[in-house]
Protein backbone atom coordinates (compact mmCIF):
# COMPACT_ATOMS: atom_id res chain seq x y z
CA UNK A 1 0.04 0.28 0.23
CA UNK A 2 0.37 3.05 -0.31
CA UNK A 3 -1.28 6.12 0.99
CA UNK A 4 -2.03 9.51 0.44
CA UNK A 5 -3.70 11.98 2.93
CA UNK A 6 -1.45 10.72 5.93
CA UNK A 7 -2.12 13.82 8.25
CA UNK A 8 -5.44 14.04 7.18
CA UNK A 9 -8.36 13.34 10.17
CA UNK A 10 -9.50 10.22 8.67
CA UNK A 11 -5.40 8.79 7.55
CA UNK A 12 -5.20 6.86 10.60
CA UNK A 13 -8.50 4.55 10.55
CA UNK A 14 -6.91 3.64 7.00
CA UNK A 15 -3.69 2.65 8.68
CA UNK A 16 -5.27 1.25 11.31
CA UNK A 17 -7.27 -0.94 8.39
CA UNK A 18 -3.80 -1.58 6.31
CA UNK A 19 -2.53 -3.71 10.04
CA UNK A 20 -5.41 -5.28 10.43
CA UNK A 21 -5.83 -6.45 6.94
CA UNK A 22 -2.00 -7.68 7.55
CA UNK A 23 -1.01 -5.33 4.78
CA UNK A 24 2.15 -3.66 4.44
CA UNK A 25 2.46 -0.04 4.13
CA UNK A 26 5.70 1.08 2.27
CA UNK A 27 5.35 5.08 1.21
CA UNK A 28 2.68 7.75 2.11
CA UNK A 29 2.96 11.69 0.58
CA UNK A 30 0.95 14.87 2.89
CA UNK A 31 2.20 18.56 2.55
CA UNK A 32 2.50 18.95 6.34
CA UNK A 33 5.64 16.66 8.14
CA UNK A 34 2.63 16.48 11.43
CA UNK A 35 2.88 12.60 10.97
CA UNK A 36 3.81 10.86 14.02
CA UNK A 37 0.54 8.38 14.05
CA UNK A 38 2.13 6.30 11.44
CA UNK A 39 4.76 5.43 14.44
CA UNK A 40 1.89 3.22 15.34
CA UNK A 41 1.58 1.32 12.31
CA UNK A 42 4.68 1.58 10.08
CA UNK A 43 7.54 3.45 10.85
CA UNK A 44 9.71 2.00 8.29
CA UNK A 45 7.57 3.68 5.48
CA UNK A 46 8.94 6.24 3.10
CA UNK A 47 7.14 9.09 4.02
CA UNK A 48 7.76 12.43 1.31
CA UNK A 49 5.59 15.97 2.17
CA UNK A 50 6.60 16.43 -2.24
CA UNK A 51 4.47 15.01 -4.53
CA UNK A 52 7.05 14.54 -7.13
CA UNK A 53 9.85 12.93 -4.94
CA UNK A 54 6.27 10.56 -3.85
CA UNK A 55 5.95 9.56 -7.75
CA UNK A 56 9.51 9.05 -8.43
CA UNK A 57 9.20 6.66 -4.98
CA UNK A 58 6.40 5.34 -6.45
CA UNK A 59 8.40 4.53 -9.69
CA UNK A 60 10.78 3.31 -8.96
CA UNK A 61 9.24 0.54 -6.44
CA UNK A 62 7.27 -0.71 -9.69
CA UNK A 63 10.70 -0.32 -12.02
CA UNK A 64 11.95 -2.59 -8.83
CA UNK A 65 9.25 -5.32 -8.81
CA UNK A 66 8.52 -3.60 -5.72
CA UNK A 67 4.80 -2.61 -7.01
CA UNK A 68 2.74 -0.77 -5.29
CA UNK A 69 -0.56 -2.47 -5.42
CA UNK A 70 -3.30 0.05 -3.96
CA UNK A 71 -2.91 3.51 -3.69
CA UNK A 72 -4.83 4.41 -0.12
CA UNK A 73 -6.40 8.38 -0.80
CA UNK A 74 -7.08 10.40 1.98
CA UNK A 75 -6.39 13.73 0.96
CA UNK A 76 -8.68 16.61 0.25
CA UNK A 77 -11.67 16.09 -1.84
CA UNK A 78 -10.55 19.01 -4.74
CA UNK A 79 -7.56 16.54 -4.75
CA UNK A 80 -9.70 12.81 -4.60
CA UNK A 81 -10.20 12.92 -9.25
CA UNK A 82 -5.95 13.44 -9.48
CA UNK A 83 -4.87 11.55 -7.01
CA UNK A 84 -7.60 8.58 -8.06
CA UNK A 85 -5.86 9.23 -11.46
CA UNK A 86 -2.37 8.86 -10.58
CA UNK A 87 -2.73 5.25 -8.44
CA UNK A 88 -4.24 3.71 -12.15
CA UNK A 89 -1.73 5.21 -14.44
CA UNK A 90 1.15 3.30 -11.65
CA UNK A 91 -1.42 0.00 -12.39
CA UNK A 92 -2.66 0.56 -8.78
CA UNK A 93 -5.96 0.06 -7.79
CA UNK A 94 -7.28 2.81 -6.01
CA UNK A 95 -9.11 3.24 -2.10
CA UNK A 96 -10.82 6.90 -1.95
CA UNK A 97 -12.31 8.18 1.09
CA UNK A 98 -15.34 9.68 -0.14
CA UNK A 99 -16.93 11.67 -2.07
CA UNK A 100 -15.06 9.93 -4.41
CA UNK A 101 -15.08 13.02 -6.91
CA UNK A 102 -16.82 16.61 -7.25
CA UNK A 103 -18.49 16.24 -9.83
CA UNK A 104 -19.97 13.35 -11.70
CA UNK A 105 -17.68 14.17 -15.33
CA UNK A 106 -14.69 12.61 -13.20
CA UNK A 107 -16.18 10.10 -12.79
CA UNK A 108 -16.56 9.68 -16.44
CA UNK A 109 -12.62 10.07 -17.05
CA UNK A 110 -11.75 7.90 -13.94
CA UNK A 111 -13.82 5.40 -15.48
CA UNK A 112 -12.54 5.28 -18.43
CA UNK A 113 -9.28 5.49 -17.31
CA UNK A 114 -9.99 1.87 -14.42
CA UNK A 115 -11.07 -0.03 -18.10
CA UNK A 116 -8.12 0.73 -19.51
CA UNK A 117 -5.53 -0.10 -17.09
CA UNK A 118 -7.60 -3.19 -15.03
CA UNK A 119 -7.32 -1.18 -11.74
CA UNK A 120 -9.95 -0.63 -9.53
CA UNK A 121 -10.90 2.34 -7.67
CA UNK A 122 -12.95 1.51 -5.15
CA UNK A 123 -15.03 4.33 -2.05
CA UNK A 124 -15.51 4.27 1.42
CA UNK A 125 -19.46 3.26 1.35
CA UNK A 126 -18.86 2.30 5.19
CA UNK A 127 -22.37 3.33 6.08
CA UNK A 128 -23.91 0.15 3.55
CA UNK A 129 -22.10 -2.23 6.22
CA UNK A 130 -23.74 -0.98 9.26
CA UNK A 131 -25.57 -3.17 10.11
CA UNK A 132 -28.74 -0.90 11.25
CA UNK A 133 -28.11 0.58 8.35
CA UNK A 134 -28.86 -3.10 6.55
CA UNK A 135 -31.76 -4.22 8.53
CA UNK A 136 -33.34 -1.14 7.70
CA UNK A 137 -32.77 -1.98 4.16
CA UNK A 138 -34.39 -5.19 4.50
CA UNK A 139 -37.08 -4.31 6.36
CA UNK A 140 -38.06 -1.08 3.56
CA UNK A 141 -37.86 -4.62 1.04
CA UNK A 142 -40.14 -6.89 2.99
CA UNK A 143 -42.54 -4.35 2.36
CA UNK A 144 -45.43 -3.49 0.28
CA UNK A 145 -43.42 -2.00 -3.05
CA UNK A 146 -45.72 0.76 -3.75
CA UNK A 147 -44.65 2.21 0.48
CA UNK A 148 -43.39 5.49 0.11
CA UNK A 149 -41.46 5.94 4.33
CA UNK A 150 -41.75 9.62 5.79
CA UNK A 151 -37.64 10.00 6.74
CA UNK A 152 -36.54 12.91 8.04
CA UNK A 153 -32.22 12.95 8.15
CA UNK A 154 -30.70 14.97 11.00
CA UNK A 155 -26.60 15.87 11.70
CA UNK A 156 -25.47 18.50 12.99
CA UNK A 157 -21.29 18.04 14.13
CA UNK A 158 -19.36 20.76 16.03
CA UNK A 159 -16.55 22.47 13.79
CA UNK A 160 -14.61 25.53 15.10
CA UNK A 161 -13.36 28.70 12.68
CA UNK A 162 -10.82 27.04 11.76
CA UNK A 163 -12.89 24.60 9.49
CA UNK A 164 -13.71 28.05 7.08
CA UNK A 165 -10.36 28.66 6.66
CA UNK A 166 -8.83 25.73 5.84
CA UNK A 167 -9.75 23.83 2.70
CA UNK A 168 -13.08 22.49 3.91
CA UNK A 169 -14.34 26.06 3.84
CA UNK A 170 -13.59 26.51 0.39
CA UNK A 171 -16.78 25.80 -1.63
CA UNK A 172 -14.55 24.77 -4.64
CA UNK A 173 -12.49 22.67 -2.74
CA UNK A 174 -14.88 20.41 -0.49
CA UNK A 175 -17.87 20.49 -2.40
CA UNK A 176 -19.73 22.70 0.34
CA UNK A 177 -21.84 21.34 3.24
CA UNK A 178 -23.68 18.85 1.79
CA UNK A 179 -20.88 17.15 0.44
CA UNK A 180 -18.12 17.28 2.37
CA UNK A 181 -20.60 15.70 5.66
CA UNK A 182 -23.21 14.79 4.27
CA UNK A 183 -22.29 12.56 1.20
CA UNK A 184 -22.27 9.25 2.81
CA UNK A 185 -25.44 10.15 4.20
CA UNK A 186 -27.22 10.74 0.14
CA UNK A 187 -25.54 7.70 -0.02
CA UNK A 188 -27.33 5.36 2.34
CA UNK A 189 -30.01 6.96 1.44
CA UNK A 190 -30.22 6.00 -1.78
CA UNK A 191 -28.86 2.55 -1.35
CA UNK A 192 -32.32 2.60 1.01
CA UNK A 193 -34.99 3.67 -1.66
CA UNK A 194 -33.67 3.09 -4.37
CA UNK A 195 -33.34 5.62 -7.73
CA UNK A 196 -33.84 9.61 -6.43
CA UNK A 197 -37.18 11.62 -8.24
CA UNK A 198 -37.23 14.95 -6.98
CA UNK A 199 -33.48 16.73 -5.40
CA UNK A 200 -34.86 20.31 -3.77
CA UNK A 201 -32.40 22.70 -1.51
CA UNK A 202 -33.79 24.87 1.20
CA UNK A 203 -31.19 26.10 2.43
CA UNK A 204 -26.74 25.67 1.88
CA UNK A 205 -25.12 28.09 3.32
CA UNK A 206 -21.03 27.80 4.73
CA UNK A 207 -22.71 26.87 7.78
CA UNK A 208 -25.88 24.59 7.05
CA UNK A 209 -27.80 23.09 4.82
CA UNK A 210 -31.12 22.16 3.89
CA UNK A 211 -33.59 20.17 2.09
CA UNK A 212 -36.09 17.66 0.08
CA UNK A 213 -35.82 14.23 -1.96
CA UNK A 214 -37.74 11.78 -2.98
CA UNK A 215 -36.88 8.86 -3.34
CA UNK A 216 -38.78 5.61 -5.35
CA UNK A 217 -39.34 4.44 -1.67
CA UNK A 218 -38.88 8.05 0.19
CA UNK A 219 -39.71 11.21 0.78
CA UNK A 220 -36.80 12.26 2.90
CA UNK A 221 -36.51 15.76 4.85
CA UNK A 222 -32.85 16.75 5.19
CA UNK A 223 -30.89 19.35 7.72
CA UNK A 224 -27.10 19.02 8.04
CA UNK A 225 -25.17 22.25 9.94
CA UNK A 226 -20.98 22.54 11.30
CA UNK A 227 -22.55 25.12 13.85
CA UNK A 228 -22.29 23.95 17.26
CA UNK A 229 -25.19 26.10 17.82
CA UNK A 230 -27.69 24.38 16.16
CA UNK A 231 -27.46 20.79 18.42
CA UNK A 232 -30.86 20.08 20.97
CA UNK A 233 -30.76 21.43 24.36
CA UNK A 234 -28.21 19.63 26.40
CA UNK A 235 -25.60 18.74 23.78
CA UNK A 236 -23.21 21.50 22.65
CA UNK A 237 -21.51 21.25 26.55
CA UNK A 238 -20.72 17.94 26.21
CA UNK A 239 -21.49 15.59 23.25
CA UNK A 240 -20.59 18.49 20.02
CA UNK A 241 -22.27 15.88 17.29
CA UNK A 242 -25.91 14.81 16.91
CA UNK A 243 -27.35 12.63 14.91
CA UNK A 244 -30.80 11.25 13.50
CA UNK A 245 -32.77 9.48 10.89
CA UNK A 246 -36.24 8.35 11.82
CA UNK A 247 -38.06 6.64 9.41
CA UNK A 248 -42.42 6.88 9.61
CA UNK A 249 -41.43 8.58 12.87
CA UNK A 250 -39.33 5.43 14.55
CA UNK A 251 -35.89 6.51 14.83
CA UNK A 252 -33.15 3.83 13.76
CA UNK A 253 -30.29 3.90 15.63
CA UNK A 254 -26.90 3.79 14.37
CA UNK A 255 -24.75 5.88 16.31
CA UNK A 256 -22.22 3.08 17.08
CA UNK A 257 -20.24 0.95 14.85
CA UNK A 258 -20.43 4.65 12.67
CA UNK A 259 -16.08 4.88 12.89
CA UNK A 260 -15.44 1.28 13.09
CA UNK A 261 -16.14 0.32 9.62
CA UNK A 262 -13.07 1.12 7.50
CA UNK A 263 -11.63 -2.27 7.89
CA UNK A 264 -14.84 -4.56 6.68
CA UNK A 265 -14.42 -1.61 3.70
CA UNK A 266 -10.92 -3.11 3.42
CA UNK A 267 -11.63 -7.01 3.97
CA UNK A 268 -14.44 -6.06 1.14
CA UNK A 269 -11.92 -4.64 -1.83
CA UNK A 270 -9.55 -7.11 -1.28
CA UNK A 271 -12.08 -9.52 -2.57
CA UNK A 272 -13.02 -7.65 -4.76
CA UNK A 273 -16.62 -7.01 -3.05
CA UNK A 274 -16.21 -3.47 -2.63
CA UNK A 275 -18.06 -0.53 -3.81
CA UNK A 276 -17.16 0.89 -7.11
CA UNK A 277 -17.02 4.01 -9.07
CA UNK A 278 -21.28 2.60 -10.04
CA UNK A 279 -21.93 2.38 -7.21
CA UNK A 280 -20.52 5.83 -6.24
CA UNK A 281 -21.57 7.68 -8.33
CA UNK A 282 -25.26 8.08 -7.51
CA UNK A 283 -24.55 10.27 -4.33
CA UNK A 284 -22.79 12.29 -6.67
CA UNK A 285 -25.28 13.10 -8.54
CA UNK A 286 -27.16 14.49 -5.75
CA UNK A 287 -24.24 15.98 -4.22
CA UNK A 288 -23.63 17.98 -6.98
CA UNK A 289 -26.57 18.68 -7.72
CA UNK A 290 -27.51 20.22 -4.47
CA UNK A 291 -24.39 22.39 -5.26
CA UNK A 292 -25.49 23.90 -7.82
CA UNK A 293 -29.69 24.15 -7.14
CA UNK A 294 -31.57 27.67 -7.08
CA UNK A 295 -32.09 27.94 -3.66
CA UNK A 296 -35.81 27.31 -3.52
CA UNK A 297 -38.49 29.47 -0.74
CA UNK A 298 -39.22 27.41 1.87
CA UNK A 299 -43.12 26.19 1.01
CA UNK A 300 -44.17 22.26 0.77
CA UNK A 301 -41.65 19.02 2.59
CA UNK A 302 -39.22 21.05 4.65
CA UNK A 303 -37.08 19.95 7.50
CA UNK A 304 -39.27 21.33 10.93
CA UNK A 305 -35.69 22.63 12.42
CA UNK A 306 -35.34 25.39 9.91
CA UNK A 307 -38.56 27.13 11.79
CA UNK A 308 -36.74 27.07 15.21
CA UNK A 309 -33.29 29.01 13.08
CA UNK A 310 -34.54 32.10 13.27
CA UNK A 311 -36.07 30.97 17.41
CA UNK A 312 -32.51 31.39 18.82
CA UNK A 313 -31.98 26.66 20.02
CA UNK A 314 -33.32 24.04 17.21
CA UNK A 315 -36.44 22.09 18.47
CA UNK A 316 -35.41 18.29 16.44
């Protein structure tokens, strides 16, 4: 394995997954040198802060017969496309954090290179592996085919002032709130409730996003926020994240185990059972449409949290 973005928040989950699947990390790249975490997993991995030297090293390994089989990509969202292409052109399989890319046409490009090289591109869509989500999907599939479920999705995860200063706060680099913190939820909704039929956006700024989606088997009101002030009463002082999915008024519990599914993802990928380009495409199309949509007035179906934004603390 090689790893791009080793200093990032999610990289330790990938290193842990590489270790727990009995594989070896031999090279890593990050422009930041704050990567002491690597010593817990692979202290002997070659490390580079410059892409050109990393590129040369990977090329040398390939020429010497120590080919890099997989490149794990944990870099900022806007670099995923380029780093996937790097992996494929070095005849390595790519494992990429969500979102796979920012735009639907980027998918077409990497799919073409994947077919040319015979190398796979896998996306980490770990919610598809969560037991609660699997159980919900099975329940929906057993229900009457014409049944339309009512879903409220709420995700509030506090972020400090650093967020807007970093690449995450630049919509051209992160894709905005709906993409950066919401793409795996939209993938989950598509995974459970089928193809998207309607996408209405009520709010989308640097702090919050909200809208209404209709899938084949669900009507979904959704709300995302990184503002601590949006947390329900009693949360902000102790717990910084609030996740809720209500289906037909019933809460679906999926908070536990939410961050512990990367090793299972890797196990599937190594068996040829990962989530590939075709599985990642629908969620990329959804978040791109949200990012480029005109904001609709608050009429018809919209998330109840929006009402209380003008009244102080959210009522969820």
